Protein backbone atom coordinates (compact mmCIF):
# COMPACT_ATOMS: atom_id res chain seq x y z
CA UNK A 1 -32.05 -26.70 102.21
CA UNK A 2 -32.33 -23.19 103.63
CA UNK A 3 -35.29 -22.33 105.84
CA UNK A 4 -36.53 -19.56 103.53
CA UNK A 5 -36.54 -21.99 100.60
CA UNK A 6 -38.60 -24.51 102.55
CA UNK A 7 -41.02 -21.72 103.49
CA UNK A 8 -41.46 -20.85 99.80
CA UNK A 9 -42.17 -24.52 99.00
CA UNK A 10 -44.74 -24.63 101.81
CA UNK A 11 -46.48 -21.49 100.47
CA UNK A 12 -46.72 -23.04 97.00
CA UNK A 13 -48.21 -26.25 98.40
CA UNK A 14 -50.71 -24.35 100.54
CA UNK A 15 -52.08 -22.35 97.58
CA UNK A 16 -55.30 -23.82 96.13
CA UNK A 17 -54.67 -24.29 92.40
CA UNK A 18 -56.65 -26.99 90.57
CA UNK A 19 -56.41 -26.81 86.77
CA UNK A 20 -57.92 -23.58 85.50
CA UNK A 21 -57.68 -21.91 88.92
CA UNK A 22 -53.91 -21.61 89.37
CA UNK A 23 -53.90 -17.87 90.09
CA UNK A 24 -52.86 -17.80 93.76
CA UNK A 25 -49.96 -20.20 93.22
CA UNK A 26 -48.87 -18.31 90.10
CA UNK A 27 -48.75 -15.02 92.03
CA UNK A 28 -46.59 -16.61 94.75
CA UNK A 29 -44.26 -18.05 92.13
CA UNK A 30 -43.93 -14.84 90.14
CA UNK A 31 -43.24 -12.80 93.29
CA UNK A 32 -40.42 -15.23 94.13
CA UNK A 33 -38.66 -15.19 90.75
CA UNK A 34 -38.83 -11.43 90.13
CA UNK A 35 -35.58 -10.98 92.04
CA UNK A 36 -33.64 -13.43 89.86
CA UNK A 37 -34.63 -12.73 86.25
CA UNK A 38 -34.58 -9.86 83.79
CA UNK A 39 -38.23 -10.23 82.84
CA UNK A 40 -41.41 -11.87 84.16
CA UNK A 41 -44.28 -12.47 81.76
CA UNK A 42 -47.62 -14.25 81.51
CA UNK A 43 -49.82 -15.29 78.60
CA UNK A 44 -53.56 -15.36 78.04
CA UNK A 45 -53.70 -19.03 79.04
CA UNK A 46 -52.23 -18.37 82.49
CA UNK A 47 -48.71 -19.70 81.96
CA UNK A 48 -46.00 -17.51 83.48
CA UNK A 49 -42.25 -17.41 83.03
CA UNK A 50 -39.07 -15.69 84.03
CA UNK A 51 -36.39 -14.95 81.43
CA UNK A 52 -32.76 -14.00 81.31
CA UNK A 53 -30.30 -13.82 78.38
CA UNK A 54 -33.40 -13.44 76.21
CA UNK A 55 -31.54 -13.01 72.89
CA UNK A 56 -28.98 -15.80 73.37
CA UNK A 57 -28.91 -19.28 71.87
CA UNK A 58 -29.72 -22.03 72.46
CA UNK A 59 -33.03 -21.08 74.03
CA UNK A 60 -33.80 -23.51 76.88
CA UNK A 61 -37.21 -23.86 78.49
CA UNK A 62 -37.56 -25.33 81.98
CA UNK A 63 -41.22 -26.30 82.37
CA UNK A 64 -43.08 -27.51 85.46
CA UNK A 65 -46.83 -27.45 85.97
CA UNK A 66 -48.31 -25.40 88.77
CA UNK A 67 -51.81 -26.88 88.72
CA UNK A 68 -53.08 -29.71 90.91
CA UNK A 69 -55.97 -32.16 91.00
CA UNK A 70 -59.10 -31.33 92.97
CA UNK A 71 -62.89 -31.10 92.86
CA UNK A 72 -65.40 -28.75 91.23
CA UNK A 73 -68.83 -27.80 92.54
CA UNK A 74 -71.46 -29.15 90.11
CA UNK A 75 -74.80 -29.01 91.95
CA UNK A 76 -76.29 -27.79 95.24
CA UNK A 77 -79.42 -29.60 96.45
CA UNK A 78 -82.35 -28.19 98.44
CA UNK A 79 -80.79 -29.24 101.74
CA UNK A 80 -77.57 -27.35 100.98
CA UNK A 81 -75.38 -30.37 100.20
CA UNK A 82 -72.79 -29.83 97.48
CA UNK A 83 -72.24 -32.38 94.73
CA UNK A 84 -68.96 -32.29 92.85
CA UNK A 85 -66.93 -33.71 89.98
CA UNK A 86 -63.18 -34.44 89.77
CA UNK A 87 -60.64 -32.05 88.31
CA UNK A 88 -57.89 -34.36 87.05
CA UNK A 89 -57.03 -37.89 88.17
CA UNK A 90 -58.83 -38.33 91.49
CA UNK A 91 -58.64 -41.73 93.24
CA UNK A 92 -62.23 -42.44 94.42
CA UNK A 93 -60.91 -44.80 97.12
CA UNK A 94 -59.53 -41.80 99.01
CA UNK A 95 -62.36 -39.31 98.67
CA UNK A 96 -64.85 -40.22 101.47
CA UNK A 97 -64.23 -38.62 104.84
CA UNK A 98 -61.86 -35.91 103.64
CA UNK A 99 -61.92 -32.39 104.95
CA UNK A 100 -61.82 -29.94 102.05
CA UNK A 101 -61.30 -26.26 101.40
CA UNK A 102 -63.67 -24.76 98.86
CA UNK A 103 -62.22 -21.68 97.19
CA UNK A 104 -64.78 -18.90 96.65
CA UNK A 105 -63.83 -15.32 95.76
CA UNK A 106 -60.50 -15.57 97.53
CA UNK A 107 -61.95 -17.17 100.67
CA UNK A 108 -61.66 -20.73 101.97
CA UNK A 109 -64.80 -22.50 103.11
CA UNK A 110 -64.21 -25.62 105.15
CA UNK A 111 -66.33 -28.67 104.38
CA UNK A 112 -66.32 -32.44 104.75
CA UNK A 113 -66.99 -35.10 102.14
CA UNK A 114 -69.81 -37.31 103.33
CA UNK A 115 -71.31 -40.63 102.25
CA UNK A 116 -73.64 -43.23 103.64
CA UNK A 117 -72.12 -44.82 106.81
CA UNK A 118 -70.71 -48.33 106.56
CA UNK A 119 -73.40 -49.55 109.00
CA UNK A 120 -76.10 -48.60 106.49
CA UNK A 121 -74.53 -50.20 103.42
CA UNK A 122 -75.86 -53.38 101.86
CA UNK A 123 -73.32 -56.22 101.66
CA UNK A 124 -72.84 -55.73 97.92
CA UNK A 125 -72.29 -51.99 98.45
CA UNK A 126 -69.48 -52.69 100.92
CA UNK A 127 -67.54 -54.50 98.20
CA UNK A 128 -67.72 -51.62 95.73
CA UNK A 129 -65.84 -48.35 95.48
CA UNK A 130 -68.11 -45.44 96.25
CA UNK A 131 -68.84 -43.42 93.14
CA UNK A 132 -68.19 -39.68 93.12
CA UNK A 133 -71.89 -38.99 92.48
CA UNK A 134 -72.74 -40.88 95.70
CA UNK A 135 -70.75 -38.41 97.80
CA UNK A 136 -71.26 -34.77 98.72
CA UNK A 137 -69.61 -31.88 100.53
CA UNK A 138 -71.25 -30.76 103.77
CA UNK A 139 -70.43 -27.22 104.95
CA UNK A 140 -72.92 -27.29 107.80
CA UNK A 141 -75.49 -25.14 106.01
CA UNK A 142 -79.18 -25.51 106.86
CA UNK A 143 -80.43 -25.31 103.26
CA UNK A 144 -79.61 -24.43 99.65
CA UNK A 145 -80.04 -20.70 100.22
CA UNK A 146 -77.43 -20.62 102.99
CA UNK A 147 -74.95 -22.65 100.93
CA UNK A 148 -75.39 -20.42 97.88
CA UNK A 149 -74.50 -17.35 99.94
CA UNK A 150 -70.89 -18.56 100.15
CA UNK A 151 -70.46 -21.23 97.44
CA UNK A 152 -70.98 -20.89 93.67
CA UNK A 153 -71.34 -23.47 90.94
CA UNK A 154 -67.90 -24.00 89.42
CA UNK A 155 -65.96 -23.29 92.62
CA UNK A 156 -63.04 -25.67 93.19
CA UNK A 157 -61.97 -27.57 96.28
CA UNK A 158 -58.91 -29.48 97.52
CA UNK A 159 -58.15 -31.62 100.58
CA UNK A 160 -57.74 -29.35 103.62
CA UNK A 161 -54.12 -30.28 104.27
CA UNK A 162 -50.84 -28.45 103.77
CA UNK A 163 -47.10 -28.90 104.12
CA UNK A 164 -45.38 -30.75 106.95
CA UNK A 165 -42.03 -32.35 107.80
CA UNK A 166 -41.95 -36.09 108.30
CA UNK A 167 -38.33 -36.19 109.43
CA UNK A 168 -35.15 -34.23 108.79
CA UNK A 169 -35.23 -34.63 105.02
CA UNK A 170 -38.67 -36.05 104.11
CA UNK A 171 -41.63 -33.73 103.67
CA UNK A 172 -45.30 -34.41 102.98
CA UNK A 173 -48.00 -32.29 101.42
CA UNK A 174 -50.79 -31.92 98.93
CA UNK A 175 -49.77 -31.28 95.31
CA UNK A 176 -46.02 -31.87 95.32
CA UNK A 177 -47.17 -33.05 91.89
CA UNK A 178 -45.97 -30.70 90.59
CA UNK A 179 -45.30 -27.81 92.93
CA UNK A 180 -42.04 -29.54 93.78
CA UNK A 181 -41.11 -29.14 90.11
CA UNK A 182 -42.23 -25.49 90.00
CA UNK A 183 -40.14 -24.88 93.13
CA UNK A 184 -37.13 -26.49 91.43
CA UNK A 185 -37.49 -24.21 88.41
CA UNK A 186 -37.60 -21.10 90.61
CA UNK A 187 -34.59 -22.23 92.64
CA UNK A 188 -32.68 -23.04 89.46
CA UNK A 189 -33.25 -19.50 88.19
CA UNK A 190 -31.98 -18.21 91.53
CA UNK A 191 -28.90 -20.45 91.48
CA UNK A 192 -27.93 -19.29 87.96
CA UNK A 193 -27.65 -15.64 89.01
CA UNK A 194 -24.05 -14.52 88.65
CA UNK A 195 -22.94 -17.60 86.71
CA UNK A 196 -21.58 -17.52 83.16
CA UNK A 197 -24.62 -18.78 81.29
CA UNK A 198 -24.48 -18.65 77.48
CA UNK A 199 -27.99 -19.93 76.81
CA UNK A 200 -31.24 -18.01 76.99
CA UNK A 201 -33.21 -19.43 79.92
CA UNK A 202 -37.00 -19.46 80.21
CA UNK A 203 -38.30 -20.83 83.52
CA UNK A 204 -41.98 -21.59 82.94
CA UNK A 205 -44.81 -22.47 85.34
CA UNK A 206 -47.31 -24.19 83.06
CA UNK A 207 -51.05 -24.53 83.69
CA UNK A 208 -53.65 -27.27 83.18
CA UNK A 209 -51.26 -30.23 82.92
CA UNK A 210 -53.60 -32.40 84.97
CA UNK A 211 -56.36 -32.03 82.36
CA UNK A 212 -54.28 -32.70 79.25
CA UNK A 213 -50.91 -30.87 79.32
CA UNK A 214 -52.65 -27.83 77.89
CA UNK A 215 -50.43 -25.06 79.27
CA UNK A 216 -47.20 -26.69 78.09
CA UNK A 217 -48.59 -26.78 74.56
CA UNK A 218 -49.38 -23.06 74.45
CA UNK A 219 -46.32 -21.85 76.37
CA UNK A 220 -43.89 -23.91 74.28
CA UNK A 221 -45.48 -22.50 71.14
CA UNK A 222 -44.93 -18.99 72.50
CA UNK A 223 -41.37 -19.52 73.78
CA UNK A 224 -40.21 -21.60 70.77
CA UNK A 225 -37.35 -23.26 72.66
CA UNK A 226 -34.43 -25.12 71.14
CA UNK A 227 -34.28 -27.31 74.25
CA UNK A 228 -37.17 -28.11 76.56
CA UNK A 229 -36.72 -29.79 79.93
CA UNK A 230 -39.86 -30.83 81.77
CA UNK A 231 -39.48 -31.09 85.53
CA UNK A 232 -42.10 -33.28 87.17
CA UNK A 233 -42.46 -35.97 89.80
CA UNK A 234 -42.27 -39.70 89.19
CA UNK A 235 -43.34 -42.85 91.01
CA UNK A 236 -40.95 -43.92 93.75
CA UNK A 237 -41.14 -47.72 93.86
CA UNK A 238 -39.50 -48.30 97.23
CA UNK A 239 -42.64 -49.08 99.21
CA UNK A 240 -44.84 -52.19 99.56
CA UNK A 241 -46.94 -53.34 96.63
CA UNK A 242 -44.95 -51.69 93.83
CA UNK A 243 -43.91 -54.06 91.03
CA UNK A 244 -40.47 -52.94 89.90
CA UNK A 245 -40.67 -55.21 86.87
CA UNK A 246 -43.45 -52.95 85.60
CA UNK A 247 -42.59 -49.53 87.01
CA UNK A 248 -38.81 -49.68 87.40
CA UNK A 249 -36.56 -49.21 90.42
CA UNK A 250 -36.79 -45.64 91.73
CA UNK A 251 -35.76 -44.82 95.28
CA UNK A 252 -36.63 -41.84 97.42
CA UNK A 253 -33.30 -40.18 98.22
CA UNK A 254 -31.62 -41.79 95.20
CA UNK A 255 -31.50 -38.55 93.25
CA UNK A 256 -33.61 -37.21 90.38
CA UNK A 257 -34.55 -39.56 87.56
CA UNK A 258 -33.47 -38.87 83.99
CA UNK A 259 -35.92 -40.35 81.50
CA UNK A 260 -34.85 -42.27 78.39
CA UNK A 261 -37.14 -43.14 75.49
CA UNK A 262 -38.77 -41.81 72.30
CA UNK A 263 -40.14 -38.73 74.09
CA UNK A 264 -36.55 -37.73 74.88
CA UNK A 265 -33.86 -36.32 72.62
CA UNK A 266 -30.79 -38.62 72.87
CA UNK A 267 -28.34 -35.71 72.90
CA UNK A 268 -30.22 -34.08 75.79
CA UNK A 269 -30.35 -37.38 77.68
CA UNK A 270 -26.63 -38.01 77.22
CA UNK A 271 -25.73 -34.47 78.30
CA UNK A 272 -27.88 -34.75 81.44
CA UNK A 273 -26.22 -38.05 82.39
CA UNK A 274 -22.70 -36.77 81.66
CA UNK A 275 -23.42 -33.65 83.69
CA UNK A 276 -24.65 -35.69 86.67
CA UNK A 277 -21.55 -37.89 86.55
CA UNK A 278 -19.13 -34.99 86.20
CA UNK A 279 -20.72 -33.07 89.09
CA UNK A 280 -21.10 -36.17 91.30
CA UNK A 281 -24.87 -35.67 91.45
CA UNK A 282 -26.77 -38.87 92.29
CA UNK A 283 -29.28 -39.80 89.59
CA UNK A 284 -31.50 -42.64 88.45
CA UNK A 285 -32.54 -43.73 84.95
CA UNK A 286 -36.20 -44.17 84.07
CA UNK A 287 -37.32 -46.00 80.93
CA UNK A 288 -40.36 -44.63 79.05
CA UNK A 289 -41.14 -46.61 75.87
CA UNK A 290 -43.77 -44.17 74.59
CA UNK A 291 -44.99 -40.62 75.16
CA UNK A 292 -44.67 -39.66 78.83
CA UNK A 293 -47.64 -38.32 80.78
CA UNK A 294 -45.80 -35.06 81.38
CA UNK A 295 -45.27 -31.67 79.77
CA UNK A 296 -42.35 -33.24 77.87
CA UNK A 297 -44.93 -34.95 75.68
CA UNK A 298 -46.31 -31.80 74.04
CA UNK A 299 -43.10 -29.73 74.25
CA UNK A 300 -41.35 -32.26 72.01
CA UNK A 301 -44.06 -31.88 69.35
CA UNK A 302 -44.13 -28.07 69.28
CA UNK A 303 -43.85 -26.53 65.80
CA UNK A 304 -41.06 -28.40 63.95
CA UNK A 305 -39.99 -30.24 67.12
CA UNK A 306 -38.01 -29.47 70.27
CA UNK A 307 -35.03 -31.33 71.76
CA UNK A 308 -36.72 -32.51 74.93
CA UNK A 309 -35.63 -33.97 78.26
CA UNK A 310 -37.44 -35.03 81.42
CA UNK A 311 -36.01 -34.75 84.93
CA UNK A 312 -38.25 -36.08 87.70
CA UNK A 313 -38.35 -35.98 91.48
CA UNK A 314 -39.14 -39.35 93.12
CA UNK A 315 -42.44 -39.22 94.98
CA UNK A 316 -44.45 -41.67 97.07
CA UNK A 317 -48.27 -41.79 97.14
CA UNK A 318 -48.94 -39.72 94.00
CA UNK A 319 -52.35 -38.02 93.71
CA UNK A 320 -53.09 -38.34 97.41
CA UNK A 321 -53.16 -35.74 100.17
CA UNK A 322 -49.93 -37.17 101.63
CA UNK A 323 -47.48 -37.01 98.75
CA UNK A 324 -43.96 -37.55 100.08
CA UNK A 325 -40.62 -36.38 98.69
CA UNK A 326 -37.01 -36.03 99.82
CA UNK A 327 -35.53 -32.54 100.09
CA UNK A 328 -32.18 -34.09 99.10
CA UNK A 329 -33.68 -35.20 95.80
CA UNK A 330 -35.08 -31.71 95.31
CA UNK A 331 -31.67 -30.13 95.97
CA UNK A 332 -29.97 -32.54 93.57
CA UNK A 333 -32.57 -31.80 90.90
CA UNK A 334 -31.72 -28.10 91.13
CA UNK A 335 -27.98 -28.83 90.98
CA UNK A 336 -28.43 -31.00 87.89
CA UNK A 337 -30.52 -28.41 86.05
CA UNK A 338 -28.05 -25.62 86.84
CA UNK A 339 -25.01 -27.62 85.75
CA UNK A 340 -26.78 -28.76 82.57
CA UNK A 341 -27.66 -25.18 81.58
CA UNK A 342 -24.12 -24.00 82.26
CA UNK A 343 -22.86 -26.54 79.70
CA UNK A 344 -25.14 -25.33 76.92
CA UNK A 345 -23.73 -23.15 74.16
CA UNK A 346 -24.49 -22.35 70.55
CA UNK A 347 -22.14 -25.07 69.28
CA UNK A 348 -24.20 -28.05 70.50
CA UNK A 349 -26.30 -29.77 67.84
CA UNK A 350 -29.35 -31.69 69.00
CA UNK A 351 -30.03 -33.28 65.63
CA UNK A 352 -30.08 -37.07 65.78
């Protein structure tokens, strides 16, 4: 992967964008895609998209969510300590002892998440997971007045970590779920420039997926696609403790996964698999016996229904501050999406 592409991915990861506060990441994404598409638009919900071949058919929507999980300031006590609530699926095991960035009016305020020390816990307390309401953010303020000068109720926070390289092809960072997918959509738009594409292509960065797939619902209604491909991350199962009998066999570096199940249109699934085989792109199959927990869920149910697919990037340690992906998988995801779109024309029927 080219250095400038990796730098763009790092900028996306570094942007603080919990659900409802995606603005900084959206601006970075829109600035990147302006060079590759005929039109860049946003809606009242905060979704944004790049379009080319607007009037062609079929109309294909590539959707990846740009929001992340995080925390929201709920209460500030008299001593200046900040109490918070989760935004999205936070793992309470991992919360104590984190450094966090609080986002306030475009600034980052550094804080730490504190709790009662292990030495002071009763024996029964040591055996329990600390509850969110038993923790607080400490920004070093002397009292409530000092805290309120720089922090407001409703501000959001994320772990104070960014992007880093683990080795030549593995990278770690906060919020690869799903900024890796948003990156893949942008790079797919870039890769399609100059190619003979018959379909209309809408590359969409959706908002508020982590709190109920809300942005995919509104953006799909606005775009009205014939085909909708959600690009997200999925659980790699190649590390200790994962039960492959329950979660399947997904390897980091094994290529993107192509999901099969009732949330997926069979024609779309077959075309994705055939495309991967024809282009010699490594891929993995993921079984999903019900609605997936991704944007594909609501895209499929838009209006009279959309022919939906799901392509996912294997990821270790989901919803932690050290999410880990392979750049090779990311590259192969982009190749698969490009080749799939190039095969679309107005003659394909997605009726079952």
